[in-house]
N, C-alpha and C. Protein backbone atom coordinates (compact mmCIF):
# COMPACT_ATOMS: atom_id res chain seq x y z
N MET A 1 149.29 167.13 70.77
CA MET A 1 148.85 166.32 71.79
C MET A 1 147.39 167.59 72.28
N ILE A 2 146.74 166.92 72.65
CA ILE A 2 145.41 168.30 73.28
C ILE A 2 145.18 167.55 74.75
N THR A 3 145.90 168.90 75.10
CA THR A 3 145.69 168.80 77.19
C THR A 3 144.34 169.45 77.55
N VAL A 4 143.56 168.83 78.41
CA VAL A 4 142.26 169.47 79.03
C VAL A 4 142.59 169.34 80.53
N SER A 5 142.57 170.46 80.96
CA SER A 5 142.60 170.96 82.29
C SER A 5 141.24 172.17 82.68
N PRO A 6 141.11 171.95 84.52
CA PRO A 6 140.36 172.71 84.60
C PRO A 6 140.60 174.46 84.70
N ALA A 7 139.67 175.21 84.30
CA ALA A 7 139.56 176.78 84.83
C ALA A 7 139.67 177.20 85.76
N ALA A 8 140.41 178.73 85.88
CA ALA A 8 140.10 178.88 86.71
C ALA A 8 139.83 180.48 86.60
N PRO A 9 139.31 181.33 88.01
CA PRO A 9 138.72 182.32 87.51
C PRO A 9 139.77 183.77 86.55
N VAL A 10 140.50 183.27 86.62
CA VAL A 10 141.93 184.30 85.38
C VAL A 10 141.24 183.68 83.96
N ASP A 11 140.79 182.75 83.76
CA ASP A 11 140.47 182.08 82.68
C ASP A 11 139.23 182.77 81.87
N VAL A 12 138.31 183.00 83.08
CA VAL A 12 137.04 183.70 82.42
C VAL A 12 137.06 184.60 81.37
N GLU A 13 137.83 185.62 80.93
CA GLU A 13 137.58 186.24 80.08
C GLU A 13 138.21 185.15 78.72
N GLU A 14 139.12 184.48 78.36
CA GLU A 14 139.46 184.04 77.44
C GLU A 14 138.34 183.30 77.38
N ALA A 15 137.85 182.47 78.28
CA ALA A 15 136.88 181.24 78.05
C ALA A 15 135.80 181.64 77.41
N THR A 16 134.78 182.50 77.77
CA THR A 16 133.83 183.56 77.48
C THR A 16 134.17 183.88 76.01
N ALA A 17 135.12 184.42 75.47
CA ALA A 17 135.49 184.51 74.11
C ALA A 17 135.58 183.66 73.28
N VAL A 18 136.48 182.72 73.46
CA VAL A 18 136.00 181.34 72.91
C VAL A 18 134.71 180.52 72.28
N LEU A 19 133.56 180.84 73.41
CA LEU A 19 132.26 180.39 73.12
C LEU A 19 131.90 181.32 72.56
N ALA A 20 131.81 182.89 72.94
CA ALA A 20 131.01 183.44 72.13
C ALA A 20 131.70 183.56 70.49
N GLY A 21 133.19 182.98 70.48
CA GLY A 21 133.28 182.76 68.87
C GLY A 21 132.78 181.70 68.26
N ALA A 22 132.65 180.52 68.85
CA ALA A 22 132.10 179.20 68.41
C ALA A 22 130.73 179.40 67.99
N PHE A 23 130.12 180.42 68.69
CA PHE A 23 128.20 180.29 68.84
C PHE A 23 127.97 181.35 68.02
N ARG A 24 128.44 182.20 67.37
CA ARG A 24 128.43 183.17 66.60
C ARG A 24 127.51 182.76 65.32
N ASP A 25 127.20 181.57 65.25
CA ASP A 25 126.00 180.74 64.04
C ASP A 25 125.64 179.76 64.32
N ASP A 26 125.31 179.26 65.72
CA ASP A 26 124.89 178.33 65.91
C ASP A 26 123.41 178.64 66.27
N PRO A 27 123.00 177.47 65.49
CA PRO A 27 121.42 177.92 65.30
C PRO A 27 120.19 178.19 66.28
N VAL A 28 120.80 177.69 67.67
CA VAL A 28 119.69 177.58 69.20
C VAL A 28 120.40 179.29 69.44
N MET A 29 121.36 179.49 70.11
CA MET A 29 121.70 181.10 70.34
C MET A 29 121.35 182.05 69.82
N SER A 30 120.91 181.57 68.09
CA SER A 30 120.92 183.22 67.08
C SER A 30 119.52 183.03 67.43
N ALA A 31 118.54 182.24 67.96
CA ALA A 31 117.08 182.10 68.12
C ALA A 31 117.47 183.13 69.22
N PHE A 32 118.10 182.83 70.67
CA PHE A 32 118.53 183.82 71.81
C PHE A 32 118.68 185.06 71.47
N VAL A 33 119.52 185.58 70.73
CA VAL A 33 119.99 187.27 70.92
C VAL A 33 119.45 187.25 69.52
N GLY A 34 119.32 186.75 68.46
CA GLY A 34 119.28 187.64 67.35
C GLY A 34 120.45 188.22 66.68
N GLY A 35 120.37 189.35 66.20
CA GLY A 35 121.28 189.60 65.36
C GLY A 35 121.71 189.37 64.14
N ASP A 36 123.03 189.92 63.38
CA ASP A 36 123.73 189.79 62.94
C ASP A 36 124.93 188.88 63.15
N PRO A 37 125.59 188.34 62.67
CA PRO A 37 126.94 187.13 63.36
C PRO A 37 127.78 188.35 64.25
N ASP A 38 128.27 189.73 63.58
CA ASP A 38 129.19 190.47 64.47
C ASP A 38 128.17 190.80 65.76
N GLU A 39 126.86 191.29 65.47
CA GLU A 39 126.49 191.45 66.65
C GLU A 39 126.02 190.74 67.80
N ARG A 40 125.56 189.58 66.98
CA ARG A 40 125.18 188.25 68.04
C ARG A 40 126.82 187.59 68.64
N GLU A 41 127.77 187.62 67.93
CA GLU A 41 128.65 187.45 69.23
C GLU A 41 129.29 188.31 70.03
N ARG A 42 129.00 189.75 70.18
CA ARG A 42 129.35 190.92 70.84
C ARG A 42 128.25 191.03 72.09
N ARG A 43 126.93 190.55 71.60
CA ARG A 43 125.65 189.68 72.58
C ARG A 43 126.07 188.56 73.79
N LEU A 44 126.81 187.70 72.47
CA LEU A 44 126.82 186.36 73.64
C LEU A 44 128.51 186.56 74.72
N THR A 45 129.01 187.64 74.07
CA THR A 45 130.13 187.52 75.17
C THR A 45 129.79 187.58 76.64
N HIS A 46 128.61 188.61 77.12
CA HIS A 46 127.79 189.06 78.03
C HIS A 46 127.17 188.24 78.27
N LEU A 47 126.27 187.05 77.91
CA LEU A 47 125.65 185.79 78.25
C LEU A 47 126.53 184.49 78.40
N LEU A 48 127.17 184.58 77.51
CA LEU A 48 128.17 183.37 78.08
C LEU A 48 129.19 183.72 79.32
N GLY A 49 129.37 184.69 79.23
CA GLY A 49 130.32 185.35 80.32
C GLY A 49 129.56 184.75 81.95
N VAL A 50 128.50 184.72 81.61
CA VAL A 50 127.55 184.63 83.35
C VAL A 50 127.73 182.86 82.89
N LEU A 51 127.33 182.12 82.21
CA LEU A 51 127.61 180.67 81.85
C LEU A 51 129.09 179.98 82.42
N VAL A 52 130.05 181.23 82.17
CA VAL A 52 131.09 180.64 82.48
C VAL A 52 131.65 180.58 84.25
N ARG A 53 131.17 181.65 84.39
CA ARG A 53 131.22 182.12 86.05
C ARG A 53 130.36 181.53 87.11
N THR A 54 129.32 180.87 86.24
CA THR A 54 128.41 180.04 86.64
C THR A 54 128.97 178.52 87.28
N GLY A 55 129.64 178.44 85.56
CA GLY A 55 130.12 176.97 85.92
C GLY A 55 131.27 176.45 87.10
N LEU A 56 132.13 177.74 87.23
CA LEU A 56 133.05 177.78 88.25
C LEU A 56 132.79 177.64 89.44
N SER A 57 131.57 177.87 89.38
CA SER A 57 131.36 178.16 91.28
C SER A 57 129.94 176.75 91.23
N SER A 58 129.67 176.32 90.23
CA SER A 58 128.97 175.21 90.68
C SER A 58 128.56 174.20 90.02
N GLY A 59 129.69 174.02 88.96
CA GLY A 59 129.79 172.91 88.36
C GLY A 59 131.57 172.47 87.97
N ALA A 60 131.64 172.54 86.41
CA ALA A 60 132.76 172.35 85.97
C ALA A 60 133.16 173.13 84.22
N VAL A 61 134.44 173.84 84.67
CA VAL A 61 134.59 174.95 83.22
C VAL A 61 135.76 174.30 82.69
N ASP A 62 136.35 172.78 81.46
CA ASP A 62 136.94 172.28 81.25
C ASP A 62 138.30 173.09 79.82
N LEU A 63 139.09 173.23 79.85
CA LEU A 63 139.82 174.19 79.02
C LEU A 63 140.94 172.88 77.71
N ALA A 64 140.32 173.33 76.43
CA ALA A 64 141.50 172.85 76.02
C ALA A 64 142.97 173.49 75.15
N ARG A 65 144.07 172.76 75.92
CA ARG A 65 144.90 173.41 74.80
C ARG A 65 145.60 172.51 73.81
N ALA A 66 146.98 172.78 72.87
CA ALA A 66 147.37 172.03 72.77
C ALA A 66 149.12 172.11 73.05
N GLU A 67 149.89 171.20 72.77
CA GLU A 67 150.97 171.56 74.08
C GLU A 67 152.12 172.17 73.35
N GLU A 68 151.81 172.79 72.00
CA GLU A 68 152.76 173.55 71.52
C GLU A 68 152.46 175.28 71.92
N GLY A 69 151.38 175.53 72.49
CA GLY A 69 151.11 176.91 73.15
C GLY A 69 150.01 177.27 74.16
N PRO A 70 149.72 178.17 74.67
CA PRO A 70 149.01 178.55 76.02
C PRO A 70 147.82 178.66 75.81
N ALA A 71 147.62 179.12 74.06
CA ALA A 71 146.16 179.80 74.04
C ALA A 71 145.03 178.50 74.05
N VAL A 72 143.90 178.87 74.47
CA VAL A 72 142.70 178.46 75.30
C VAL A 72 142.23 178.22 73.49
N LEU A 73 142.02 176.40 72.84
CA LEU A 73 141.38 176.31 72.05
C LEU A 73 140.06 175.97 71.94
N GLY A 74 139.54 175.30 73.38
CA GLY A 74 138.06 175.12 73.30
C GLY A 74 138.05 175.00 74.54
N VAL A 75 136.39 175.04 75.05
CA VAL A 75 135.86 175.30 76.38
C VAL A 75 134.46 174.57 76.32
N ALA A 76 134.15 173.37 77.48
CA ALA A 76 133.40 173.31 78.10
C ALA A 76 132.88 173.54 79.24
N VAL A 77 131.75 173.73 79.13
CA VAL A 77 130.80 174.60 80.51
C VAL A 77 129.94 173.11 81.40
N TRP A 78 129.76 172.74 82.61
CA TRP A 78 128.91 172.01 83.22
C TRP A 78 128.71 172.49 84.17
N SER A 79 127.43 172.43 84.48
CA SER A 79 126.64 172.70 85.34
C SER A 79 126.78 170.76 86.21
N ALA A 80 127.06 171.36 87.87
CA ALA A 80 127.26 169.74 88.56
C ALA A 80 125.25 169.23 88.90
N PRO A 81 125.03 167.92 89.39
CA PRO A 81 123.82 167.39 89.83
C PRO A 81 123.14 168.25 90.57
N GLY A 82 122.02 169.09 90.37
CA GLY A 82 121.23 169.29 91.33
C GLY A 82 121.84 170.95 91.17
N ASN A 83 122.37 171.28 90.60
CA ASN A 83 122.39 172.69 90.21
C ASN A 83 121.69 173.27 88.79
N ARG A 84 120.95 174.14 88.97
CA ARG A 84 120.28 174.69 87.94
C ARG A 84 119.55 176.36 88.09
N ASP A 85 120.31 176.65 87.13
CA ASP A 85 120.67 178.27 87.48
C ASP A 85 119.65 179.62 86.54
N ASP A 86 118.38 178.66 87.16
CA ASP A 86 117.29 179.31 86.87
C ASP A 86 116.46 180.49 87.97
N GLY A 87 116.88 180.59 89.17
CA GLY A 87 116.43 180.69 90.16
C GLY A 87 116.21 182.56 90.33
N LEU A 88 115.67 182.92 90.66
CA LEU A 88 115.50 184.62 91.03
C LEU A 88 116.65 185.26 91.72
N LEU A 89 116.82 185.17 92.37
CA LEU A 89 118.46 185.72 93.00
C LEU A 89 119.42 185.62 91.99
N HIS A 90 119.43 184.22 90.85
CA HIS A 90 120.50 184.28 89.80
C HIS A 90 120.10 185.24 88.98
N THR A 91 118.94 185.42 88.77
CA THR A 91 118.71 186.32 87.73
C THR A 91 118.65 187.96 87.57
N ILE A 92 118.60 188.35 89.06
CA ILE A 92 119.10 189.19 89.57
C ILE A 92 120.13 189.83 89.22
N ARG A 93 120.92 188.87 89.99
CA ARG A 93 122.61 189.37 90.03
C ARG A 93 122.83 189.49 89.22
N ASN A 94 122.19 188.72 87.69
CA ASN A 94 123.07 189.26 86.30
C ASN A 94 122.23 189.83 85.52
N ILE A 95 121.57 190.63 85.79
CA ILE A 95 120.15 191.15 85.35
C ILE A 95 120.94 192.27 83.95
N GLY A 96 121.90 192.67 84.35
CA GLY A 96 122.81 193.78 83.45
C GLY A 96 123.21 192.88 82.65
N SER A 97 123.95 191.96 82.87
CA SER A 97 124.96 190.96 81.30
C SER A 97 123.29 190.70 80.58
N TYR A 98 122.41 190.33 81.29
CA TYR A 98 121.60 189.70 80.72
C TYR A 98 120.73 190.65 79.73
N LEU A 99 120.27 191.80 80.25
CA LEU A 99 119.98 193.03 79.50
C LEU A 99 121.04 193.17 78.49
N ARG A 100 122.32 193.54 78.22
CA ARG A 100 123.11 193.51 77.20
C ARG A 100 123.18 192.31 75.75
N ALA A 101 122.50 191.32 76.65
CA ALA A 101 122.89 189.88 75.89
C ALA A 101 121.57 190.17 74.88
N PHE A 102 120.47 190.45 75.49
CA PHE A 102 118.73 190.65 75.03
C PHE A 102 118.53 191.56 74.42
N GLY A 103 119.09 192.70 75.11
CA GLY A 103 118.26 193.61 74.94
C GLY A 103 116.72 193.87 75.73
N PRO A 104 116.49 195.05 75.96
CA PRO A 104 115.08 195.45 76.83
C PRO A 104 113.93 194.88 76.34
N GLY A 105 113.76 194.53 74.66
CA GLY A 105 112.76 193.83 74.17
C GLY A 105 112.81 192.49 73.65
N GLY A 106 113.92 192.11 74.18
CA GLY A 106 114.40 190.39 73.67
C GLY A 106 114.69 189.83 75.00
N LEU A 107 114.22 190.41 76.12
CA LEU A 107 114.19 189.47 77.41
C LEU A 107 113.02 188.55 77.41
N ARG A 108 111.74 189.17 77.26
CA ARG A 108 110.52 188.45 77.29
C ARG A 108 111.03 186.69 75.92
N ARG A 109 111.32 187.18 74.82
CA ARG A 109 111.72 186.17 74.04
C ARG A 109 112.38 185.17 74.70
N ALA A 110 113.82 185.52 75.06
CA ALA A 110 114.72 184.75 75.97
C ALA A 110 114.70 183.67 77.06
N ALA A 111 113.33 184.48 78.13
CA ALA A 111 113.14 183.73 78.95
C ALA A 111 111.95 182.92 78.52
N ARG A 112 111.36 183.05 77.45
CA ARG A 112 110.25 182.33 77.07
C ARG A 112 111.28 180.90 76.23
N LEU A 113 112.24 181.14 75.69
CA LEU A 113 112.78 179.90 75.53
C LEU A 113 113.69 179.09 76.43
N GLN A 114 113.99 180.00 77.11
CA GLN A 114 114.85 179.05 78.40
C GLN A 114 114.00 178.27 78.67
N ARG A 115 112.72 178.91 79.45
CA ARG A 115 111.55 178.20 80.12
C ARG A 115 111.90 176.54 79.22
N ALA A 116 111.41 177.18 78.00
CA ALA A 116 111.33 175.65 77.06
C ALA A 116 113.00 174.78 77.55
N ILE A 117 113.83 174.99 77.58
CA ILE A 117 115.29 174.61 77.60
C ILE A 117 115.05 173.72 78.71
N ASP A 118 114.55 174.68 80.02
CA ASP A 118 114.32 173.81 81.52
C ASP A 118 113.06 173.10 81.40
N SER A 119 112.44 173.34 80.78
CA SER A 119 111.17 172.29 80.75
C SER A 119 111.59 170.63 80.10
N ALA A 120 112.41 170.61 79.52
CA ALA A 120 112.95 169.58 78.91
C ALA A 120 113.77 168.70 79.37
N ARG A 121 114.59 169.68 80.19
CA ARG A 121 115.61 168.31 81.14
C ARG A 121 115.24 167.33 82.26
N PRO A 122 115.81 166.04 81.82
CA PRO A 122 115.18 165.47 82.84
C PRO A 122 114.95 165.72 84.30
N GLY A 123 114.19 164.71 84.94
CA GLY A 123 113.99 164.98 86.95
C GLY A 123 115.03 165.08 87.63
N GLU A 124 115.47 163.94 87.07
CA GLU A 124 116.67 163.06 87.23
C GLU A 124 117.82 163.49 87.58
N ALA A 125 118.79 163.73 88.66
CA ALA A 125 119.84 164.53 89.14
C ALA A 125 120.78 163.84 87.65
N HIS A 126 121.62 165.07 87.53
CA HIS A 126 122.40 164.67 86.12
C HIS A 126 123.79 166.03 86.00
N TRP A 127 124.78 165.60 85.39
CA TRP A 127 125.55 166.94 84.99
C TRP A 127 124.91 167.15 83.68
N TYR A 128 124.91 168.56 83.43
CA TYR A 128 124.34 169.50 82.04
C TYR A 128 125.48 169.69 81.76
N LEU A 129 125.49 169.36 80.25
CA LEU A 129 126.83 170.52 79.07
C LEU A 129 125.71 171.72 78.91
N GLY A 130 126.41 172.55 79.41
CA GLY A 130 125.46 173.88 78.84
C GLY A 130 126.21 174.96 77.47
N ALA A 131 127.52 174.36 77.65
CA ALA A 131 128.38 174.51 76.63
C ALA A 131 129.65 174.10 75.96
N ILE A 132 129.79 173.87 74.56
CA ILE A 132 130.94 173.49 74.36
C ILE A 132 131.25 173.89 72.76
N GLY A 133 132.42 174.43 73.03
CA GLY A 133 132.97 174.63 71.30
C GLY A 133 134.15 175.20 71.62
N ALA A 134 134.86 175.64 69.97
CA ALA A 134 135.97 175.25 69.73
C ALA A 134 136.45 176.71 69.12
N THR A 135 137.45 177.32 69.14
CA THR A 135 138.29 177.89 68.16
C THR A 135 137.97 177.92 66.80
N PRO A 136 138.70 178.72 65.61
CA PRO A 136 138.90 178.17 64.16
C PRO A 136 140.23 177.51 64.10
N ALA A 137 141.08 178.19 65.09
CA ALA A 137 142.36 177.14 65.05
C ALA A 137 142.14 175.81 65.47
N GLY A 138 141.59 175.57 66.28
CA GLY A 138 141.05 174.36 67.20
C GLY A 138 140.36 173.20 66.54
N ARG A 139 139.42 174.19 65.68
CA ARG A 139 138.65 172.61 64.93
C ARG A 139 139.53 171.60 63.39
N GLY A 140 138.46 170.79 64.10
CA GLY A 140 139.33 169.97 62.85
C GLY A 140 140.60 168.83 63.47
N ARG A 141 140.89 169.62 65.35
CA ARG A 141 141.69 168.88 65.74
C ARG A 141 141.11 167.72 67.24
N GLY A 142 140.06 167.53 66.79
CA GLY A 142 139.41 166.39 68.09
C GLY A 142 139.19 166.81 69.23
N ILE A 143 138.91 169.16 69.20
CA ILE A 143 138.73 169.33 70.67
C ILE A 143 137.59 169.28 71.36
N GLY A 144 136.62 169.10 70.66
CA GLY A 144 135.19 168.64 70.77
C GLY A 144 135.28 166.89 72.34
N SER A 145 136.03 166.22 70.89
CA SER A 145 136.22 164.62 72.04
C SER A 145 137.04 164.86 73.04
N ALA A 146 137.99 165.53 73.01
CA ALA A 146 139.19 165.75 73.73
C ALA A 146 137.94 165.92 75.22
N LEU A 147 137.52 167.18 75.05
CA LEU A 147 137.00 167.96 76.35
C LEU A 147 135.98 167.36 76.70
N LEU A 148 134.88 166.38 75.85
CA LEU A 148 134.38 165.55 76.37
C LEU A 148 134.63 164.15 76.94
N ARG A 149 135.35 163.78 76.24
CA ARG A 149 135.99 162.33 77.22
C ARG A 149 136.77 162.99 78.39
N ALA A 150 137.63 163.72 78.98
CA ALA A 150 137.76 164.16 79.91
C ALA A 150 137.16 164.24 80.84
N ARG A 151 136.09 164.84 80.56
CA ARG A 151 134.65 165.07 82.03
C ARG A 151 134.30 163.59 81.71
N LEU A 152 133.78 163.51 81.64
CA LEU A 152 132.54 161.69 80.82
C LEU A 152 134.03 160.34 81.59
N GLU A 153 134.93 160.48 81.77
CA GLU A 153 135.49 159.69 82.21
C GLU A 153 136.00 160.17 83.85
N THR A 154 135.32 161.33 84.31
CA THR A 154 135.41 161.22 85.49
C THR A 154 134.48 161.10 87.08
N ILE A 155 133.23 161.12 86.08
CA ILE A 155 131.49 161.14 86.52
C ILE A 155 131.00 159.97 85.96
N GLU A 156 130.28 159.45 87.38
CA GLU A 156 129.39 158.66 86.87
C GLU A 156 127.97 159.05 86.79
N ALA A 157 127.24 159.92 87.37
CA ALA A 157 126.04 160.33 87.46
C ALA A 157 125.36 160.42 85.83
N PRO A 158 124.41 160.63 85.72
CA PRO A 158 123.56 160.45 84.04
C PRO A 158 124.46 161.92 84.13
N ALA A 159 124.13 162.00 82.48
CA ALA A 159 124.21 163.90 81.61
C ALA A 159 123.27 163.74 80.73
N TYR A 160 123.39 165.31 80.29
CA TYR A 160 122.33 165.46 79.66
C TYR A 160 122.68 166.50 78.76
N LEU A 161 122.38 166.67 77.86
CA LEU A 161 122.61 167.86 76.67
C LEU A 161 121.95 168.62 75.64
N GLU A 162 122.07 169.57 74.81
CA GLU A 162 121.12 169.80 74.07
C GLU A 162 122.11 169.80 72.82
N ALA A 163 121.36 168.81 71.54
CA ALA A 163 122.47 169.01 70.17
C ALA A 163 122.22 170.84 69.45
N SER A 164 122.66 171.09 69.06
CA SER A 164 122.11 172.12 68.36
C SER A 164 121.91 172.02 67.09
N THR A 165 123.21 170.87 66.43
CA THR A 165 122.93 170.11 64.82
C THR A 165 123.18 168.95 64.96
N GLU A 166 122.76 168.22 63.85
CA GLU A 166 122.73 166.78 63.44
C GLU A 166 124.34 166.33 63.23
N ARG A 167 125.20 167.16 63.67
CA ARG A 167 126.90 167.19 63.45
C ARG A 167 126.99 167.11 64.84
N SER A 168 126.79 168.06 65.51
CA SER A 168 126.74 167.95 67.13
C SER A 168 126.75 166.88 67.26
N ALA A 169 125.21 166.38 67.32
CA ALA A 169 124.31 165.27 67.74
C ALA A 169 124.82 164.12 67.53
N ALA A 170 125.94 163.88 66.47
CA ALA A 170 125.91 162.73 65.90
C ALA A 170 127.54 162.17 66.82
N LEU A 171 128.19 163.39 67.17
CA LEU A 171 129.57 163.48 67.84
C LEU A 171 128.99 163.09 69.43
N TYR A 172 128.10 163.77 69.66
CA TYR A 172 127.26 163.18 71.25
C TYR A 172 127.36 162.02 71.24
N ALA A 173 127.15 161.09 70.18
CA ALA A 173 126.17 160.13 70.50
C ALA A 173 127.12 158.81 70.21
N ARG A 174 128.45 159.45 69.77
CA ARG A 174 129.70 158.60 70.04
C ARG A 174 130.22 158.63 71.23
N PHE A 175 129.45 159.51 71.93
CA PHE A 175 130.30 159.33 73.91
C PHE A 175 129.15 158.69 74.53
N GLY A 176 128.22 158.32 73.83
CA GLY A 176 126.62 157.49 74.65
C GLY A 176 125.78 157.97 75.03
N PHE A 177 125.45 159.32 74.32
CA PHE A 177 124.43 159.83 74.52
C PHE A 177 123.25 159.41 73.59
N ASP A 178 122.34 159.47 73.93
CA ASP A 178 120.96 159.18 73.15
C ASP A 178 119.74 159.94 73.10
N ARG A 179 119.02 160.21 71.80
CA ARG A 179 118.18 160.64 71.15
C ARG A 179 117.08 160.78 72.24
N ILE A 180 116.90 161.41 73.02
CA ILE A 180 115.01 161.47 73.79
C ILE A 180 114.18 162.37 73.47
N GLY A 181 114.27 163.19 72.57
CA GLY A 181 113.15 163.97 72.09
C GLY A 181 113.82 165.44 71.45
N THR A 182 112.89 166.29 71.47
CA THR A 182 113.35 167.52 70.84
C THR A 182 113.05 168.66 71.69
N VAL A 183 113.23 169.48 71.72
CA VAL A 183 113.04 170.79 73.06
C VAL A 183 112.23 171.99 71.89
N ALA A 184 110.32 171.20 72.34
CA ALA A 184 109.84 172.44 71.33
C ALA A 184 109.65 174.13 71.99
N GLY A 185 109.34 174.80 70.96
CA GLY A 185 109.18 176.21 71.57
C GLY A 185 110.40 177.24 70.62
N PHE A 186 110.99 176.97 69.61
CA PHE A 186 111.66 177.62 69.25
C PHE A 186 111.25 177.68 67.61
N PRO A 187 111.87 178.58 67.14
CA PRO A 187 111.35 179.22 65.41
C PRO A 187 111.52 178.15 64.86
N GLU A 188 110.79 177.75 63.95
CA GLU A 188 111.61 177.20 62.78
C GLU A 188 112.47 177.02 62.09
N PRO A 189 113.57 176.80 61.46
CA PRO A 189 113.66 175.60 61.81
C PRO A 189 114.32 174.85 62.50
N VAL A 190 114.73 175.49 63.53
CA VAL A 190 115.65 175.43 64.87
C VAL A 190 114.87 174.24 66.05
N ARG A 191 115.38 173.58 66.00
CA ARG A 191 115.18 172.12 66.80
C ARG A 191 116.06 171.49 68.01
N PRO A 192 116.07 172.19 69.04
CA PRO A 192 117.31 171.60 69.88
C PRO A 192 117.09 170.08 69.68
N VAL A 193 118.04 169.34 69.95
CA VAL A 193 118.04 167.67 70.16
C VAL A 193 118.33 167.50 71.64
N ALA A 194 117.19 167.01 72.43
CA ALA A 194 117.72 166.08 73.86
C ALA A 194 118.59 165.20 73.87
N MET A 195 119.74 165.00 74.38
CA MET A 195 120.24 163.67 74.45
C MET A 195 120.48 163.40 76.07
N TRP A 196 120.48 162.00 76.27
CA TRP A 196 120.40 161.42 77.60
C TRP A 196 121.84 160.51 77.88
N ARG A 197 122.66 160.74 78.53
CA ARG A 197 123.91 159.40 79.01
C ARG A 197 123.35 159.08 79.88
N PRO A 198 123.35 157.82 79.99
CA PRO A 198 123.07 157.00 81.63
C PRO A 198 124.09 157.04 82.18
N GLY A 199 124.07 157.20 83.48
CA GLY A 199 125.29 157.21 83.80
C GLY A 199 125.58 155.26 84.63
N ALA A 200 126.95 155.66 85.12
CA ALA A 200 127.07 154.26 85.64
C ALA A 200 126.89 153.43 86.58
N PRO A 201 126.53 151.79 85.93
CA PRO A 201 126.47 151.25 87.52
C PRO A 201 127.21 152.20 88.75
N VAL A 202 126.82 152.24 90.03
CA VAL A 202 127.35 153.14 91.60
C VAL A 202 128.23 151.39 91.89
N ARG A 203 129.48 151.32 91.78
CA ARG A 203 130.20 150.32 92.40
C ARG A 203 130.20 149.92 93.99
N PRO A 204 130.00 148.90 94.68
CA PRO A 204 129.89 148.62 96.14
C PRO A 204 130.91 149.58 96.72
N GLY A 205 129.91 150.76 97.64
CA GLY A 205 130.90 151.63 98.87
C GLY A 205 131.19 152.94 97.96
N ARG A 206 130.98 153.05 96.42
CA ARG A 206 130.94 154.68 96.18
C ARG A 206 129.55 154.99 95.48
N SER A 207 129.75 156.35 95.69
CA SER A 207 128.38 157.25 95.27
C SER A 207 128.83 157.39 94.19
N GLY A 208 128.12 157.56 93.12
CA GLY A 208 127.54 158.74 91.58
C GLY A 208 128.39 160.06 92.03
N SER A 209 129.17 160.58 91.33
CA SER A 209 129.58 161.69 91.41
C SER A 209 128.90 163.01 90.33
């Protein structure tokens, strides 16, 4: 059985390592950081560490574990409605991590791709799935589904994400996400799929979360 629980600051290092391993062959992340898979995973540790820490402070980080052990098998990082981590102060605060992730020569490319990602996001307030991934030991065990279900069952606001592959897009579609376009500006054949899940109707006396 897979259980999902919120992360704490003590989980940052393990959660970051899980995501870095999960994204080492991801086409979108490959476009951002470049390099061979091993180098890419090392660089992604710096980039995804920022994402995990930001998720803890202004969103949600969910961890999936099996009941037979304490190891984290999967991680999902969400940004709450109204939080967009593209401000100058955020960049300055994390510039050291970005330099280690992209290298001085890759910052401009990464900034251009990030602008493409940001410009595709809908203007309506929404939860944003920044990253979701599983360890090799967690693959094929429904980790992604468990992580998605746990968060989506608790929110009423709309949700948005980009699918890196057709396989991941199919998973998200099963949870009510619809394709609304692709994100332009990435090198061929990389085309992130923009996907949107409408919010639940707000019941009388309640507001969306």
